[in-house]
Amino acid sequence: MKVISLVPSITEALFDLGLTENEIIGRTKFCVHPEEEVKNIEIVGGTKNLNLEKIKSLQPDLILANKEENVKEQVETLMEDFKVIVYNTETIEDNYYLVKNLGLLFNKEERAQIFNLKIYDVLNQAKINSNTKAAYLIWKNPYMTIGSDTFIHNILTEIGFENIFKNKTRYPEIQVEDLAKADVIMLSSEPFPFKEKHVAELKEIFPDKKIMIVDGEAFSWYGTHIAKCEEYFKKLISEF
């Protein structure tokens, strides 16, 4: 089966489940894991600006997309000519069924189950003891955070943090003063590439708060990625 993945974390999951470049014939420019394997695969644009003609020329048997990461109109255009599966992954349970479904699709059920068990194991072991209020920022100018209907929120709360913006939805804009109630301000490495200079800027406003860069992939890449974040989450939790 020839498949094109329009989702970075799904591309990674396909390789983790045992597919190769013989089956995965197309990816987006943001599909960067696993690095050595993806570099030989045809790029079909970005997640939001697909090269539809290139996709059509590759003649895939299946296209894998995501409701949040891809543009509805582009996906619907592809549906006119190809079989397209669109996933919507917001919760840990959604993620379980995503991995399980990929396993069923490609006859990799046993490997999918191993990853699912590992993910639950990683999240069960990574728990902070205190009720720490967290603000998780994904963008700057304007500052944007995460609401309760996002995958990042579910990972954040699963490991024991309280999202101070849990009453909001999707990715709302906030003002810097809205961060005052947080015990820790987490600056994600993606999609906005927060750096130490941004930590310093917020430290000037909130000198007594814990402000840190966090690995955006560990929190936002659904699929199999969390199974590989055991050491990262342990290190993160140890700081609290």
C-alpha atoms as a PDB file:
ATOM      1  CA  MET A   1       0.000   0.000   0.000  1.00  0.00           C
ATOM      2  CA  LYS A   2       1.376   3.396  -1.045  1.00  0.00           C
ATOM      3  CA  VAL A   3       0.632   6.027   1.594  1.00  0.00           C
ATOM      4  CA  ILE A   4       1.141   9.783   1.916  1.00  0.00           C
ATOM      5  CA  SER A   5       1.197  11.267   5.411  1.00  0.00           C
ATOM      6  CA  LEU A   6       0.224  14.909   5.817  1.00  0.00           C
ATOM      7  CA  VAL A   7       0.933  14.874   9.561  1.00  0.00           C
ATOM      8  CA  PRO A   8       4.453  14.928  11.088  1.00  0.00           C
ATOM      9  CA  SER A   9       3.651  12.784  14.117  1.00  0.00           C
ATOM     10  CA  ILE A  10       1.762  10.245  12.011  1.00  0.00           C
ATOM     11  CA  THR A  11       4.739   9.968   9.649  1.00  0.00           C
ATOM     12  CA  GLU A  12       6.925   9.159  12.657  1.00  0.00           C
ATOM     13  CA  ALA A  13       4.363   6.647  13.911  1.00  0.00           C
ATOM     14  CA  LEU A  14       4.273   4.832  10.568  1.00  0.00           C
ATOM     15  CA  PHE A  15       8.026   4.293  10.689  1.00  0.00           C
ATOM     16  CA  ASP A  16       7.828   3.247  14.342  1.00  0.00           C
ATOM     17  CA  LEU A  17       5.263   0.631  13.391  1.00  0.00           C
ATOM     18  CA  GLY A  18       7.632  -0.802  10.815  1.00  0.00           C
ATOM     19  CA  LEU A  19       6.688   0.816   7.503  1.00  0.00           C
ATOM     20  CA  THR A  20       9.478   1.919   5.165  1.00  0.00           C
ATOM     21  CA  GLU A  21      10.025   4.382   2.356  1.00  0.00           C
ATOM     22  CA  ASN A  22       8.732   1.666   0.025  1.00  0.00           C
ATOM     23  CA  GLU A  23       5.246   2.259   1.475  1.00  0.00           C
ATOM     24  CA  ILE A  24       5.490   5.888   2.608  1.00  0.00           C
ATOM     25  CA  ILE A  25       5.820   7.792  -0.656  1.00  0.00           C
ATOM     26  CA  GLY A  26       5.013  11.338   0.437  1.00  0.00           C
ATOM     27  CA  ARG A  27       5.319  13.624   3.489  1.00  0.00           C
ATOM     28  CA  THR A  28       5.181  17.286   4.464  1.00  0.00           C
ATOM     29  CA  LYS A  29       8.307  19.376   5.010  1.00  0.00           C
ATOM     30  CA  PHE A  30       7.530  19.280   8.755  1.00  0.00           C
ATOM     31  CA  CYS A  31       7.717  15.476   8.850  1.00  0.00           C
ATOM     32  CA  VAL A  32      11.252  15.378  10.236  1.00  0.00           C
ATOM     33  CA  HIS A  33      11.300  12.122  12.253  1.00  0.00           C
ATOM     34  CA  PRO A  34      12.935   9.684  11.854  1.00  0.00           C
ATOM     35  CA  GLU A  35      15.542  11.920  10.263  1.00  0.00           C
ATOM     36  CA  GLU A  36      17.482   9.356   8.225  1.00  0.00           C
ATOM     37  CA  GLU A  37      14.394   7.647   6.846  1.00  0.00           C
ATOM     38  CA  VAL A  38      12.300  10.667   5.886  1.00  0.00           C
ATOM     39  CA  LYS A  39      14.995  12.475   3.927  1.00  0.00           C
ATOM     40  CA  ASN A  40      14.471  10.176   0.939  1.00  0.00           C
ATOM     41  CA  ILE A  41      10.694  10.674   0.826  1.00  0.00           C
ATOM     42  CA  GLU A  42       9.021  13.114  -1.544  1.00  0.00           C
ATOM     43  CA  ILE A  43       7.894  16.384   0.089  1.00  0.00           C
ATOM     44  CA  VAL A  44       4.344  17.407  -0.854  1.00  0.00           C
ATOM     45  CA  GLY A  45       4.316  20.878   0.729  1.00  0.00           C
ATOM     46  CA  GLY A  46       3.564  22.068   4.253  1.00  0.00           C
ATOM     47  CA  THR A  47       0.742  20.851   6.469  1.00  0.00           C
ATOM     48  CA  LYS A  48      -1.321  23.951   5.628  1.00  0.00           C
ATOM     49  CA  ASN A  49      -0.221  24.496   2.023  1.00  0.00           C
ATOM     50  CA  LEU A  50      -0.156  21.165   0.248  1.00  0.00           C
ATOM     51  CA  ASN A  51       1.041  20.747  -3.316  1.00  0.00           C
ATOM     52  CA  LEU A  52      -2.084  19.007  -4.573  1.00  0.00           C
ATOM     53  CA  GLU A  53      -0.689  18.391  -8.051  1.00  0.00           C
ATOM     54  CA  LYS A  54       2.375  16.659  -6.655  1.00  0.00           C
ATOM     55  CA  ILE A  55       0.184  14.491  -4.433  1.00  0.00           C
ATOM     56  CA  LYS A  56      -1.956  13.534  -7.422  1.00  0.00           C
ATOM     57  CA  SER A  57       1.142  12.678  -9.465  1.00  0.00           C
ATOM     58  CA  LEU A  58       2.296  10.242  -6.770  1.00  0.00           C
ATOM     59  CA  GLN A  59      -0.993   8.306  -7.013  1.00  0.00           C
ATOM     60  CA  PRO A  60      -1.192   7.103  -3.385  1.00  0.00           C
ATOM     61  CA  ASP A  61      -3.519   4.324  -2.276  1.00  0.00           C
ATOM     62  CA  LEU A  62      -4.146   6.156   0.988  1.00  0.00           C
ATOM     63  CA  ILE A  63      -3.638   9.644   2.427  1.00  0.00           C
ATOM     64  CA  LEU A  64      -3.515  10.263   6.177  1.00  0.00           C
ATOM     65  CA  ALA A  65      -4.558  13.696   7.442  1.00  0.00           C
ATOM     66  CA  ASN A  66      -5.536  15.478  10.665  1.00  0.00           C
ATOM     67  CA  LYS A  67      -8.502  17.739  11.306  1.00  0.00           C
ATOM     68  CA  GLU A  68      -6.451  20.368  13.116  1.00  0.00           C
ATOM     69  CA  GLU A  69      -3.190  20.302  11.201  1.00  0.00           C
ATOM     70  CA  ASN A  70      -4.478  20.237   7.634  1.00  0.00           C
ATOM     71  CA  VAL A  71      -6.759  22.609   5.734  1.00  0.00           C
ATOM     72  CA  LYS A  72     -10.286  21.263   5.294  1.00  0.00           C
ATOM     73  CA  GLU A  73     -10.718  22.484   1.706  1.00  0.00           C
ATOM     74  CA  GLN A  74      -7.436  20.905   0.582  1.00  0.00           C
ATOM     75  CA  VAL A  75      -8.298  17.596   2.224  1.00  0.00           C
ATOM     76  CA  GLU A  76     -11.767  17.610   0.650  1.00  0.00           C
ATOM     77  CA  THR A  77     -10.210  18.193  -2.781  1.00  0.00           C
ATOM     78  CA  LEU A  78      -7.983  15.160  -2.278  1.00  0.00           C
ATOM     79  CA  MET A  79     -11.012  13.110  -1.207  1.00  0.00           C
ATOM     80  CA  GLU A  80     -12.436  13.521  -4.707  1.00  0.00           C
ATOM     81  CA  ASP A  81      -9.668  11.325  -6.119  1.00  0.00           C
ATOM     82  CA  PHE A  82      -8.184   9.361  -3.236  1.00  0.00           C
ATOM     83  CA  LYS A  83      -9.023   7.483  -0.070  1.00  0.00           C
ATOM     84  CA  VAL A  84      -8.287   9.896   2.791  1.00  0.00           C
ATOM     85  CA  ILE A  85      -8.500   9.151   6.518  1.00  0.00           C
ATOM     86  CA  VAL A  86      -8.775  12.230   8.730  1.00  0.00           C
ATOM     87  CA  TYR A  87      -7.894  11.813  12.394  1.00  0.00           C
ATOM     88  CA  ASN A  88      -8.824  14.119  15.259  1.00  0.00           C
ATOM     89  CA  THR A  89      -6.575  13.509  18.250  1.00  0.00           C
ATOM     90  CA  GLU A  90      -7.320  15.528  21.385  1.00  0.00           C
ATOM     91  CA  THR A  91      -7.179  13.039  24.267  1.00  0.00           C
ATOM     92  CA  ILE A  92      -5.007  10.145  25.444  1.00  0.00           C
ATOM     93  CA  GLU A  93      -7.874   7.833  24.481  1.00  0.00           C
ATOM     94  CA  ASP A  94      -7.971   9.351  20.973  1.00  0.00           C
ATOM     95  CA  ASN A  95      -4.258   8.679  20.730  1.00  0.00           C
ATOM     96  CA  TYR A  96      -4.719   5.047  21.774  1.00  0.00           C
ATOM     97  CA  TYR A  97      -7.231   4.518  18.980  1.00  0.00           C
ATOM     98  CA  LEU A  98      -5.059   6.382  16.460  1.00  0.00           C
ATOM     99  CA  VAL A  99      -2.111   4.045  17.080  1.00  0.00           C
ATOM    100  CA  LYS A 100      -4.403   1.017  17.197  1.00  0.00           C
ATOM    101  CA  ASN A 101      -6.066   2.031  13.924  1.00  0.00           C
ATOM    102  CA  LEU A 102      -2.717   2.526  12.190  1.00  0.00           C
ATOM    103  CA  GLY A 103      -1.721  -0.928  13.405  1.00  0.00           C
ATOM    104  CA  LEU A 104      -4.874  -2.438  11.904  1.00  0.00           C
ATOM    105  CA  LEU A 105      -4.486  -0.560   8.625  1.00  0.00           C
ATOM    106  CA  PHE A 106      -0.974  -1.809   8.007  1.00  0.00           C
ATOM    107  CA  ASN A 107      -1.108  -5.224   9.725  1.00  0.00           C
ATOM    108  CA  LYS A 108       1.120  -4.020  12.570  1.00  0.00           C
ATOM    109  CA  GLU A 109      -1.325  -4.682  15.430  1.00  0.00           C
ATOM    110  CA  GLU A 110       1.211  -6.235  17.781  1.00  0.00           C
ATOM    111  CA  ARG A 111       3.714  -3.405  17.380  1.00  0.00           C
ATOM    112  CA  ALA A 112       0.936  -0.826  17.830  1.00  0.00           C
ATOM    113  CA  GLN A 113      -0.126  -2.452  21.089  1.00  0.00           C
ATOM    114  CA  ILE A 114       3.457  -2.399  22.381  1.00  0.00           C
ATOM    115  CA  PHE A 115       3.622   1.349  21.737  1.00  0.00           C
ATOM    116  CA  ASN A 116       0.243   1.959  23.341  1.00  0.00           C
ATOM    117  CA  LEU A 117       1.241   0.088  26.487  1.00  0.00           C
ATOM    118  CA  LYS A 118       4.524   1.999  26.623  1.00  0.00           C
ATOM    119  CA  ILE A 119       2.710   5.343  26.297  1.00  0.00           C
ATOM    120  CA  TYR A 120       0.446   4.550  29.254  1.00  0.00           C
ATOM    121  CA  ASP A 121       3.484   3.407  31.222  1.00  0.00           C
ATOM    122  CA  VAL A 122       5.374   6.640  30.473  1.00  0.00           C
ATOM    123  CA  LEU A 123       2.443   8.847  31.474  1.00  0.00           C
ATOM    124  CA  ASN A 124       1.692   6.849  34.623  1.00  0.00           C
ATOM    125  CA  GLN A 125       5.265   7.161  35.820  1.00  0.00           C
ATOM    126  CA  ALA A 126       5.541  10.892  35.073  1.00  0.00           C
ATOM    127  CA  LYS A 127       3.480  12.467  37.843  1.00  0.00           C
ATOM    128  CA  ILE A 128       4.272  15.536  39.902  1.00  0.00           C
ATOM    129  CA  ASN A 129       3.234  15.379  43.546  1.00  0.00           C
ATOM    130  CA  SER A 130       2.164  18.972  44.045  1.00  0.00           C
ATOM    131  CA  ASN A 131      -0.763  20.735  42.400  1.00  0.00           C
ATOM    132  CA  THR A 132       1.320  23.062  40.237  1.00  0.00           C
ATOM    133  CA  LYS A 133      -0.507  25.687  38.188  1.00  0.00           C
ATOM    134  CA  ALA A 134       0.979  25.926  34.728  1.00  0.00           C
ATOM    135  CA  ALA A 135       0.707  28.246  31.747  1.00  0.00           C
ATOM    136  CA  TYR A 136       1.846  26.675  28.484  1.00  0.00           C
ATOM    137  CA  LEU A 137       2.663  29.152  25.701  1.00  0.00           C
ATOM    138  CA  ILE A 138       2.808  28.147  22.046  1.00  0.00           C
ATOM    139  CA  TRP A 139       3.187  31.578  20.402  1.00  0.00           C
ATOM    140  CA  LYS A 140       4.500  35.089  20.904  1.00  0.00           C
ATOM    141  CA  ASN A 141       3.248  38.404  19.479  1.00  0.00           C
ATOM    142  CA  PRO A 142       0.567  37.755  20.468  1.00  0.00           C
ATOM    143  CA  TYR A 143       1.055  35.308  23.296  1.00  0.00           C
ATOM    144  CA  MET A 144      -1.089  32.231  22.715  1.00  0.00           C
ATOM    145  CA  THR A 145      -1.789  29.345  25.049  1.00  0.00           C
ATOM    146  CA  ILE A 146      -3.746  26.075  25.092  1.00  0.00           C
ATOM    147  CA  GLY A 147      -7.347  25.382  26.066  1.00  0.00           C
ATOM    148  CA  SER A 148      -8.840  22.214  27.510  1.00  0.00           C
ATOM    149  CA  ASP A 149      -9.813  20.671  24.147  1.00  0.00           C
ATOM    150  CA  THR A 150      -6.222  20.235  22.956  1.00  0.00           C
ATOM    151  CA  PHE A 151      -3.844  17.288  23.036  1.00  0.00           C
ATOM    152  CA  ILE A 152      -1.216  19.418  24.813  1.00  0.00           C
ATOM    153  CA  HIS A 153      -3.660  20.172  27.639  1.00  0.00           C
ATOM    154  CA  ASN A 154      -4.358  16.484  28.079  1.00  0.00           C
ATOM    155  CA  ILE A 155      -0.666  15.598  28.302  1.00  0.00           C
ATOM    156  CA  LEU A 156      -0.043  18.497  30.693  1.00  0.00           C
ATOM    157  CA  THR A 157      -2.821  17.436  33.045  1.00  0.00           C
ATOM    158  CA  GLU A 158      -2.009  13.741  32.688  1.00  0.00           C
ATOM    159  CA  ILE A 159       1.404  14.343  34.258  1.00  0.00           C
ATOM    160  CA  GLY A 160      -0.095  16.360  37.080  1.00  0.00           C
ATOM    161  CA  PHE A 161      -0.072  20.044  36.127  1.00  0.00           C
ATOM    162  CA  GLU A 162      -3.132  22.284  36.323  1.00  0.00           C
ATOM    163  CA  ASN A 163      -3.603  24.349  33.183  1.00  0.00           C
ATOM    164  CA  ILE A 164      -4.623  27.842  34.353  1.00  0.00           C
ATOM    165  CA  PHE A 165      -6.394  28.327  31.017  1.00  0.00           C
ATOM    166  CA  LYS A 166      -8.433  25.107  31.240  1.00  0.00           C
ATOM    167  CA  ASN A 167     -11.653  27.136  30.983  1.00  0.00           C
ATOM    168  CA  LYS A 168     -10.677  28.279  27.496  1.00  0.00           C
ATOM    169  CA  THR A 169     -10.754  26.330  24.237  1.00  0.00           C
ATOM    170  CA  ARG A 170      -8.359  25.781  21.342  1.00  0.00           C
ATOM    171  CA  TYR A 171      -5.439  28.244  21.255  1.00  0.00           C
ATOM    172  CA  PRO A 172      -6.568  31.569  22.707  1.00  0.00           C
ATOM    173  CA  GLU A 173      -4.616  34.808  22.689  1.00  0.00           C
ATOM    174  CA  ILE A 174      -3.728  36.087  26.154  1.00  0.00           C
ATOM    175  CA  GLN A 175      -2.128  39.126  27.708  1.00  0.00           C
ATOM    176  CA  VAL A 176       1.077  38.871  29.715  1.00  0.00           C
ATOM    177  CA  GLU A 177      -0.770  39.845  32.901  1.00  0.00           C
ATOM    178  CA  ASP A 178      -2.955  36.734  32.483  1.00  0.00           C
ATOM    179  CA  LEU A 179       0.085  34.668  33.447  1.00  0.00           C
ATOM    180  CA  ALA A 180       0.135  36.031  37.004  1.00  0.00           C
ATOM    181  CA  LYS A 181      -1.687  33.023  38.516  1.00  0.00           C
ATOM    182  CA  ALA A 182       0.767  30.446  37.139  1.00  0.00           C
ATOM    183  CA  ASP A 183       3.388  28.764  39.306  1.00  0.00           C
ATOM    184  CA  VAL A 184       5.320  27.825  36.196  1.00  0.00           C
ATOM    185  CA  ILE A 185       5.322  29.333  32.714  1.00  0.00           C
ATOM    186  CA  MET A 186       6.262  26.811  30.037  1.00  0.00           C
ATOM    187  CA  LEU A 187       7.531  28.142  26.717  1.00  0.00           C
ATOM    188  CA  SER A 188       7.186  25.500  24.017  1.00  0.00           C
ATOM    189  CA  SER A 189       9.966  24.888  21.510  1.00  0.00           C
ATOM    190  CA  GLU A 190       7.319  24.756  18.771  1.00  0.00           C
ATOM    191  CA  PRO A 191       5.431  26.007  16.839  1.00  0.00           C
ATOM    192  CA  PHE A 192       6.996  29.295  17.994  1.00  0.00           C
ATOM    193  CA  PRO A 193      10.706  28.654  18.674  1.00  0.00           C
ATOM    194  CA  PHE A 194      10.934  30.104  22.164  1.00  0.00           C
ATOM    195  CA  LYS A 195      14.535  30.694  23.340  1.00  0.00           C
ATOM    196  CA  GLU A 196      16.273  31.679  26.565  1.00  0.00           C
ATOM    197  CA  LYS A 197      15.964  35.363  25.628  1.00  0.00           C
ATOM    198  CA  HIS A 198      12.176  34.961  25.852  1.00  0.00           C
ATOM    199  CA  VAL A 199      12.564  33.379  29.286  1.00  0.00           C
ATOM    200  CA  ALA A 200      14.600  36.439  30.309  1.00  0.00           C
ATOM    201  CA  GLU A 201      11.911  38.821  29.028  1.00  0.00           C
ATOM    202  CA  LEU A 202       9.247  37.160  31.165  1.00  0.00           C
ATOM    203  CA  LYS A 203      11.623  36.934  34.134  1.00  0.00           C
ATOM    204  CA  GLU A 204      11.770  40.731  34.157  1.00  0.00           C
ATOM    205  CA  ILE A 205       7.998  40.796  34.640  1.00  0.00           C
ATOM    206  CA  PHE A 206       7.728  37.734  36.908  1.00  0.00           C
ATOM    207  CA  PRO A 207      11.091  37.447  38.709  1.00  0.00           C
ATOM    208  CA  ASP A 208       9.786  34.933  41.270  1.00  0.00           C
ATOM    209  CA  LYS A 209       8.152  32.511  38.855  1.00  0.00           C
ATOM    210  CA  LYS A 210       9.650  29.359  37.362  1.00  0.00           C
ATOM    211  CA  ILE A 211       9.906  29.994  33.622  1.00  0.00           C
ATOM    212  CA  MET A 212      11.274  27.292  31.349  1.00  0.00           C
ATOM    213  CA  ILE A 213      11.618  26.077  27.770  1.00  0.00           C
ATOM    214  CA  VAL A 214       9.844  22.758  27.227  1.00  0.00           C
ATOM    215  CA  ASP A 215      10.053  20.245  24.392  1.00  0.00           C
ATOM    216  CA  GLY A 216       7.020  20.959  22.231  1.00  0.00           C
ATOM    217  CA  GLU A 217       7.228  17.570  20.537  1.00  0.00           C
ATOM    218  CA  ALA A 218       6.899  15.764  23.885  1.00  0.00           C
ATOM    219  CA  PHE A 219       3.613  17.556  24.538  1.00  0.00           C
ATOM    220  CA  SER A 220       2.079  17.916  21.084  1.00  0.00           C
ATOM    221  CA  TRP A 221       3.245  14.991  18.936  1.00  0.00           C
ATOM    222  CA  TYR A 222       0.555  12.368  19.249  1.00  0.00           C
ATOM    223  CA  GLY A 223       0.977   8.882  17.841  1.00  0.00           C
ATOM    224  CA  THR A 224       3.984   6.918  19.074  1.00  0.00           C
ATOM    225  CA  HIS A 225       6.201   9.843  20.093  1.00  0.00           C
ATOM    226  CA  ILE A 226       5.273   9.889  23.792  1.00  0.00           C
ATOM    227  CA  ALA A 227       6.580   6.331  24.138  1.00  0.00           C
ATOM    228  CA  LYS A 228      10.067   7.783  23.564  1.00  0.00           C
ATOM    229  CA  CYS A 229       9.728  10.634  26.070  1.00  0.00           C
ATOM    230  CA  GLU A 230      10.168   8.677  29.312  1.00  0.00           C
ATOM    231  CA  GLU A 231      13.516  10.231  30.250  1.00  0.00           C
ATOM    232  CA  TYR A 232      12.405  13.693  29.200  1.00  0.00           C
ATOM    233  CA  PHE A 233       9.285  13.629  31.378  1.00  0.00           C
ATOM    234  CA  LYS A 234      11.210  12.185  34.328  1.00  0.00           C
ATOM    235  CA  LYS A 235      13.735  15.018  34.066  1.00  0.00           C
ATOM    236  CA  LEU A 236      10.966  17.591  33.761  1.00  0.00           C
ATOM    237  CA  ILE A 237       9.101  16.246  36.800  1.00  0.00           C
ATOM    238  CA  SER A 238      12.317  16.141  38.836  1.00  0.00           C
ATOM    239  CA  GLU A 239      12.505  19.942  38.601  1.00  0.00           C
ATOM    240  CA  PHE A 240       9.353  20.156  40.698  1.00  0.00           C
END
